[in-house]
Amino acid sequence: MTDAHDGTSAKTGEKREVLLVAHTGVHENLGLAAEAASTLQEGGINVRVMATADPAPVARHEVLGRFKRFGHTREAATGVEMVLVLGGDGTFLRAADIAHSADVPVLGINMGHIGFLAEWEQESLQEAIDRVISRDYRVEDRMTLSITVRDLDGRVLGTGWALNECSVENLNRQGVLDTILEVDQRPVSSFGCDGVLVSTPTGSTAYAFSAGGPVLWPELDAILVVPSNAHTLFSRPLVVSPDSSVAVETNPTTSPATAVMDGFRQIHMPPGARVEMRRGPQPVRWVRLDFAPFADRLVHKFRLPITGWRGPRH
């Protein structure tokens, strides 16, 4: 039992709060975010609102403007029960950055196209919110990557993390990036390329998949390495141990590059730089609402043909 006015449980005295993150660049999302915020509040949960694009539409909105508003900072999610995301994969990854920094769970409802990172689709938004209110959900851990970029002399240029992938990308579009791939501090191959993708199982359905990598089930702990347009006979993807370290060195005479984490966090790599990647010490806490197998999600999201399947005979 809760008091819908202040988010306090009448039985336990516990205060519940959710950070609502919506892609407000789409007008329809504002209305859905307002409905979600109002329903959560009526269910006894306080709401904070964070806009990933221009904050003005949120501030001006007759409903959303009444809630506490935050920017993209760790404080936005500090002390909340979960981060609820309404949007596509880009919105989810930015929200996961906040959830990860505060070590709180994150739940995605897809408002975009494929939305592979979302738990449910837009038409199930009301049920999802009801499940949050009743605490009818579970949380599982998703593996992350820890990233360190060093210069030619070994000095640290920057550090970061990724839920999906770290993409080492050539900044010179008129030439190739000369790289050396290393696994567990041993050289594996050198090649010219457009870049190298190092991905988690969660990210295997994203950029790494588009670059020709395999799909990894999220229950699998592993690190996926996918060269991008490599000029070499050996440029196959590699799946290595989750306890392995992976490094990509660039030749001191090659182009500058950049290490891009989850598509929006970047660290510049001058010629001769090195990016080191290993399993992150802190996972992303992922909210699950059902027990549907990953194979079903794969078929649904990619619209895979399954006509003619007969299934097991017992």
Protein backbone atom coordinates (compact mmCIF):
# COMPACT_ATOMS: atom_id res chain seq x y z
CA MET A 1 0.00 0.00 0.00
CA THR A 2 1.38 3.40 -0.95
CA ASP A 3 0.57 7.04 -0.58
CA ALA A 4 0.33 8.26 -4.18
CA HIS A 5 1.15 11.84 -3.17
CA ASP A 6 4.68 11.41 -1.81
CA GLY A 7 5.75 7.95 -3.00
CA THR A 8 5.93 6.57 0.54
CA SER A 9 4.75 3.05 1.31
CA ALA A 10 2.15 3.23 4.09
CA LYS A 11 3.22 -0.22 5.25
CA THR A 12 7.00 0.15 5.34
CA GLY A 13 7.60 3.89 5.17
CA GLU A 14 9.86 3.26 2.17
CA LYS A 15 10.12 5.94 -0.48
CA ARG A 16 10.26 4.76 -4.08
CA GLU A 17 11.56 6.83 -6.97
CA VAL A 18 12.17 6.21 -10.69
CA LEU A 19 14.24 8.18 -13.19
CA LEU A 20 12.28 8.46 -16.45
CA VAL A 21 14.42 8.96 -19.56
CA ALA A 22 12.68 9.71 -22.84
CA HIS A 23 13.81 10.70 -26.33
CA THR A 24 11.97 14.02 -26.37
CA GLY A 25 13.00 14.82 -29.95
CA VAL A 26 9.93 12.83 -31.03
CA HIS A 27 6.67 14.63 -30.13
CA GLU A 28 4.74 11.40 -29.56
CA ASN A 29 7.27 10.37 -26.91
CA LEU A 30 6.40 13.40 -24.78
CA GLY A 31 2.80 12.26 -24.42
CA LEU A 32 3.82 8.68 -23.63
CA ALA A 33 6.39 9.89 -21.11
CA ALA A 34 3.73 12.05 -19.45
CA GLU A 35 1.36 9.08 -19.23
CA ALA A 36 4.12 6.92 -17.75
CA ALA A 37 5.10 9.57 -15.19
CA SER A 38 1.49 10.12 -14.13
CA THR A 39 0.82 6.38 -13.78
CA LEU A 40 3.97 5.87 -11.71
CA GLN A 41 3.02 8.76 -9.45
CA GLU A 42 -0.50 7.40 -9.01
CA GLY A 43 1.08 4.07 -8.09
CA GLY A 44 3.01 5.69 -5.24
CA ILE A 45 6.35 6.19 -7.01
CA ASN A 46 8.07 9.55 -7.21
CA VAL A 47 9.38 10.46 -10.65
CA ARG A 48 12.42 12.31 -11.87
CA VAL A 49 12.65 13.20 -15.57
CA MET A 50 15.74 13.40 -17.75
CA ALA A 51 15.64 14.48 -21.38
CA THR A 52 18.36 13.18 -23.71
CA ALA A 53 17.87 15.90 -26.30
CA ASP A 54 16.68 19.50 -25.94
CA PRO A 55 15.36 19.90 -22.33
CA ALA A 56 13.01 22.74 -23.31
CA PRO A 57 10.09 20.53 -24.46
CA VAL A 58 10.13 18.77 -21.08
CA ALA A 59 10.26 22.01 -19.12
CA ARG A 60 7.35 23.47 -21.13
CA HIS A 61 5.19 20.33 -21.00
CA GLU A 62 2.10 20.73 -18.80
CA VAL A 63 2.66 17.33 -17.13
CA LEU A 64 6.37 16.58 -17.40
CA GLY A 65 7.27 20.12 -16.37
CA ARG A 66 5.90 19.42 -12.87
CA PHE A 67 8.50 16.76 -12.10
CA LYS A 68 12.09 17.21 -10.97
CA ARG A 69 14.32 17.52 -14.03
CA PHE A 70 17.92 16.40 -14.41
CA GLY A 71 20.69 16.54 -16.98
CA HIS A 72 23.04 13.72 -17.97
CA THR A 73 24.74 13.40 -14.57
CA ARG A 74 25.28 10.64 -12.04
CA GLU A 75 23.11 12.52 -9.56
CA ALA A 76 20.12 11.99 -11.85
CA ALA A 77 19.94 8.31 -10.88
CA THR A 78 21.44 8.40 -7.39
CA GLY A 79 19.03 6.80 -4.94
CA VAL A 80 16.38 5.72 -7.47
CA GLU A 81 14.89 2.24 -7.71
CA MET A 82 15.50 2.04 -11.46
CA VAL A 83 15.98 4.01 -14.66
CA LEU A 84 13.02 3.63 -17.05
CA VAL A 85 13.87 4.39 -20.68
CA LEU A 86 11.37 5.24 -23.42
CA GLY A 87 13.16 5.30 -26.75
CA GLY A 88 15.43 3.40 -29.11
CA ASP A 89 18.85 1.86 -28.57
CA GLY A 90 20.66 5.22 -28.60
CA THR A 91 18.46 6.57 -25.83
CA PHE A 92 18.88 3.32 -23.90
CA LEU A 93 22.70 3.43 -24.10
CA ARG A 94 22.80 7.00 -22.82
CA ALA A 95 20.45 6.10 -19.99
CA ALA A 96 22.52 2.99 -19.21
CA ASP A 97 25.51 5.30 -18.78
CA ILE A 98 23.66 7.07 -15.95
CA ALA A 99 22.32 3.82 -14.45
CA HIS A 100 25.79 2.25 -14.52
CA SER A 101 27.39 5.23 -12.79
CA ALA A 102 24.83 5.02 -9.97
CA ASP A 103 24.73 1.18 -9.98
CA VAL A 104 20.93 0.99 -10.38
CA PRO A 105 18.85 -1.21 -12.73
CA VAL A 106 17.70 0.01 -16.14
CA LEU A 107 14.54 -0.96 -18.05
CA GLY A 108 14.00 -0.11 -21.73
CA ILE A 109 10.69 0.22 -23.59
CA ASN A 110 11.26 0.49 -27.33
CA MET A 111 9.93 3.59 -29.08
CA GLY A 112 12.32 3.35 -32.03
CA HIS A 113 12.76 0.84 -34.86
CA ILE A 114 14.47 -2.44 -33.98
CA GLY A 115 15.28 -1.43 -30.39
CA PHE A 116 17.21 -4.60 -29.59
CA LEU A 117 18.20 -3.37 -26.12
CA ALA A 118 14.63 -2.71 -25.01
CA GLU A 119 12.84 -5.26 -22.88
CA TRP A 120 9.35 -4.61 -24.29
CA GLU A 121 7.65 -2.67 -27.06
CA GLN A 122 5.58 0.54 -26.95
CA GLU A 123 2.23 -1.27 -26.98
CA SER A 124 3.17 -2.97 -23.69
CA LEU A 125 4.11 0.24 -21.90
CA GLN A 126 1.12 0.24 -19.53
CA GLU A 127 1.72 -3.36 -18.48
CA ALA A 128 5.42 -2.67 -17.98
CA ILE A 129 4.66 0.25 -15.67
CA ASP A 130 2.16 -1.86 -13.74
CA ARG A 131 4.88 -4.48 -13.28
CA VAL A 132 7.27 -1.83 -11.98
CA ILE A 133 4.69 -0.53 -9.52
CA SER A 134 4.00 -4.05 -8.22
CA ARG A 135 7.73 -4.93 -8.24
CA ASP A 136 6.97 -7.83 -10.59
CA TYR A 137 10.36 -7.91 -12.28
CA ARG A 138 13.80 -9.36 -11.85
CA VAL A 139 17.30 -8.00 -12.43
CA GLU A 140 20.15 -9.72 -14.23
CA ASP A 141 23.73 -8.60 -14.81
CA ARG A 142 25.07 -7.78 -18.27
CA MET A 143 28.80 -7.85 -18.90
CA THR A 144 30.64 -4.60 -19.66
CA LEU A 145 34.06 -3.64 -21.02
CA SER A 146 36.66 -1.50 -19.28
CA ILE A 147 38.73 0.62 -21.71
CA THR A 148 42.09 2.37 -21.31
CA VAL A 149 43.78 4.39 -24.07
CA ARG A 150 47.53 5.01 -23.89
CA ASP A 151 49.91 7.01 -26.06
CA LEU A 152 53.10 5.73 -27.65
CA ASP A 153 55.00 6.23 -24.39
CA GLY A 154 52.42 4.38 -22.28
CA ARG A 155 50.83 7.45 -20.72
CA VAL A 156 47.09 7.14 -20.08
CA LEU A 157 45.10 9.39 -22.42
CA GLY A 158 41.71 8.39 -21.08
CA THR A 159 39.59 5.63 -19.61
CA GLY A 160 35.99 4.55 -20.10
CA TRP A 161 33.58 1.67 -20.28
CA ALA A 162 31.08 0.14 -22.69
CA LEU A 163 27.94 -1.96 -22.55
CA ASN A 164 27.82 -2.71 -26.28
CA GLU A 165 31.25 -2.17 -27.79
CA CYS A 166 34.41 -0.15 -28.09
CA SER A 167 35.03 0.76 -31.73
CA VAL A 168 38.55 1.80 -32.80
CA GLU A 169 37.89 3.97 -35.86
CA ASN A 170 40.17 5.51 -38.46
CA LEU A 171 39.91 9.30 -38.65
CA ASN A 172 41.48 9.41 -42.13
CA ARG A 173 38.76 8.33 -44.57
CA GLN A 174 41.20 8.43 -47.50
CA GLY A 175 43.46 5.69 -46.16
CA VAL A 176 43.59 2.63 -43.95
CA LEU A 177 44.44 2.39 -40.27
CA ASP A 178 47.52 0.22 -39.65
CA THR A 179 46.86 -1.84 -36.53
CA ILE A 180 48.17 -4.78 -34.54
CA LEU A 181 45.71 -6.97 -32.64
CA GLU A 182 46.82 -8.40 -29.31
CA VAL A 183 45.11 -10.97 -27.08
CA ASP A 184 46.38 -11.79 -23.59
CA GLN A 185 49.48 -9.66 -24.19
CA ARG A 186 50.49 -11.66 -27.27
CA PRO A 187 50.35 -10.40 -30.90
CA VAL A 188 47.74 -12.13 -33.08
CA SER A 189 47.78 -10.29 -36.41
CA SER A 190 48.60 -6.97 -38.04
CA PHE A 191 46.51 -5.46 -40.82
CA GLY A 192 45.27 -2.29 -42.42
CA CYS A 193 41.59 -1.65 -41.78
CA ASP A 194 38.84 0.89 -41.24
CA GLY A 195 38.82 -0.09 -37.59
CA VAL A 196 38.38 -2.84 -35.03
CA LEU A 197 35.28 -3.58 -32.92
CA VAL A 198 35.55 -5.18 -29.50
CA SER A 199 32.12 -6.16 -28.22
CA THR A 200 30.27 -7.77 -25.34
CA PRO A 201 27.59 -10.41 -26.00
CA THR A 202 24.98 -7.65 -25.54
CA GLY A 203 26.66 -5.63 -28.29
CA SER A 204 26.97 -8.57 -30.67
CA THR A 205 23.58 -7.65 -32.23
CA ALA A 206 24.63 -4.04 -32.81
CA TYR A 207 27.64 -2.54 -34.66
CA ALA A 208 29.62 -5.79 -34.45
CA PHE A 209 26.78 -7.66 -36.17
CA SER A 210 26.69 -5.11 -39.01
CA ALA A 211 30.46 -5.58 -39.43
CA GLY A 212 30.04 -9.34 -39.93
CA GLY A 213 30.36 -10.65 -36.38
CA PRO A 214 28.34 -13.52 -34.94
CA VAL A 215 25.39 -13.17 -32.58
CA LEU A 216 26.29 -14.18 -29.01
CA TRP A 217 23.62 -15.19 -26.51
CA PRO A 218 23.63 -12.67 -23.64
CA GLU A 219 23.99 -15.47 -21.07
CA LEU A 220 27.42 -16.17 -22.55
CA ASP A 221 30.38 -14.38 -20.97
CA ALA A 222 32.86 -13.66 -23.77
CA ILE A 223 34.62 -10.88 -25.66
CA LEU A 224 34.02 -10.56 -29.40
CA VAL A 225 36.67 -9.03 -31.72
CA VAL A 226 35.59 -8.00 -35.24
CA PRO A 227 37.98 -6.30 -37.70
CA SER A 228 36.19 -3.77 -39.92
CA ASN A 229 37.07 -3.98 -43.62
CA ALA A 230 40.51 -5.42 -42.91
CA HIS A 231 42.99 -5.73 -45.77
CA THR A 232 44.32 -9.18 -44.88
CA LEU A 233 43.64 -12.86 -45.49
CA PHE A 234 43.01 -13.41 -41.78
CA SER A 235 40.27 -11.03 -40.71
CA ARG A 236 37.74 -13.38 -39.16
CA PRO A 237 35.94 -12.44 -35.95
CA LEU A 238 37.35 -13.90 -32.76
CA VAL A 239 35.49 -14.93 -29.63
CA VAL A 240 37.85 -14.92 -26.66
CA SER A 241 37.60 -15.64 -22.96
CA PRO A 242 35.84 -13.08 -20.75
CA ASP A 243 39.00 -13.11 -18.64
CA SER A 244 41.23 -12.24 -21.61
CA SER A 245 42.68 -8.82 -22.30
CA VAL A 246 42.38 -7.43 -25.82
CA ALA A 247 44.47 -4.56 -27.17
CA VAL A 248 44.63 -2.72 -30.48
CA GLU A 249 47.82 -0.82 -31.25
CA THR A 250 48.14 1.64 -34.11
CA ASN A 251 51.33 2.14 -36.08
CA PRO A 252 53.20 5.37 -35.17
CA THR A 253 53.23 6.29 -38.88
CA THR A 254 49.53 5.67 -39.47
CA SER A 255 46.51 7.94 -39.16
CA PRO A 256 45.04 9.23 -35.91
CA ALA A 257 42.06 7.25 -34.67
CA THR A 258 39.39 7.42 -32.01
CA ALA A 259 38.05 4.91 -29.50
CA VAL A 260 34.25 5.20 -29.48
CA MET A 261 32.35 3.58 -26.60
CA ASP A 262 28.69 2.73 -27.20
CA GLY A 263 28.54 5.20 -30.06
CA PHE A 264 28.82 8.44 -28.05
CA ARG A 265 31.76 8.44 -25.59
CA GLN A 266 35.09 9.05 -27.35
CA ILE A 267 38.81 9.12 -26.56
CA HIS A 268 41.20 10.49 -29.18
CA MET A 269 44.02 8.19 -30.29
CA PRO A 270 47.06 9.88 -31.84
CA PRO A 271 49.29 7.78 -34.15
CA GLY A 272 50.99 5.02 -32.15
CA ALA A 273 48.28 4.92 -29.49
CA ARG A 274 47.04 1.74 -27.88
CA VAL A 275 43.58 0.88 -26.56
CA GLU A 276 43.34 -1.87 -23.93
CA MET A 277 40.04 -3.64 -23.21
CA ARG A 278 39.03 -6.19 -20.63
CA ARG A 279 35.94 -7.26 -18.74
CA GLY A 280 34.57 -4.38 -16.69
CA PRO A 281 34.48 -4.72 -12.90
CA GLN A 282 30.87 -3.50 -12.75
CA PRO A 283 28.05 -4.94 -14.90
CA VAL A 284 24.94 -3.15 -16.06
CA ARG A 285 21.94 -4.21 -13.98
CA TRP A 286 19.32 -5.15 -16.54
CA VAL A 287 15.60 -5.31 -15.69
CA ARG A 288 13.74 -8.33 -17.09
CA LEU A 289 9.95 -8.55 -17.23
CA ASP A 290 9.50 -12.03 -18.66
CA PHE A 291 11.29 -15.31 -19.26
CA ALA A 292 11.11 -15.34 -23.07
CA PRO A 293 14.19 -17.07 -24.54
CA PHE A 294 16.73 -15.03 -26.49
CA ALA A 295 15.96 -17.02 -29.66
CA ASP A 296 12.41 -15.62 -29.64
CA ARG A 297 13.73 -12.08 -29.24
CA LEU A 298 16.16 -12.63 -32.12
CA VAL A 299 13.41 -13.87 -34.44
CA HIS A 300 11.07 -11.02 -33.48
CA LYS A 301 13.57 -8.17 -33.71
CA PHE A 302 15.20 -9.28 -36.98
CA ARG A 303 11.97 -10.69 -38.46
CA LEU A 304 13.71 -13.96 -39.21
CA PRO A 305 11.87 -16.53 -41.36
CA ILE A 306 10.76 -19.59 -39.36
CA THR A 307 8.08 -20.96 -41.69
CA GLY A 308 8.13 -24.74 -41.76
CA TRP A 309 9.52 -25.25 -38.25
CA ARG A 310 8.01 -28.39 -36.72
CA GLY A 311 9.73 -28.41 -33.34
CA PRO A 312 10.79 -31.33 -31.18
CA ARG A 313 8.72 -34.52 -31.14
CA HIS A 314 8.27 -36.20 -27.77
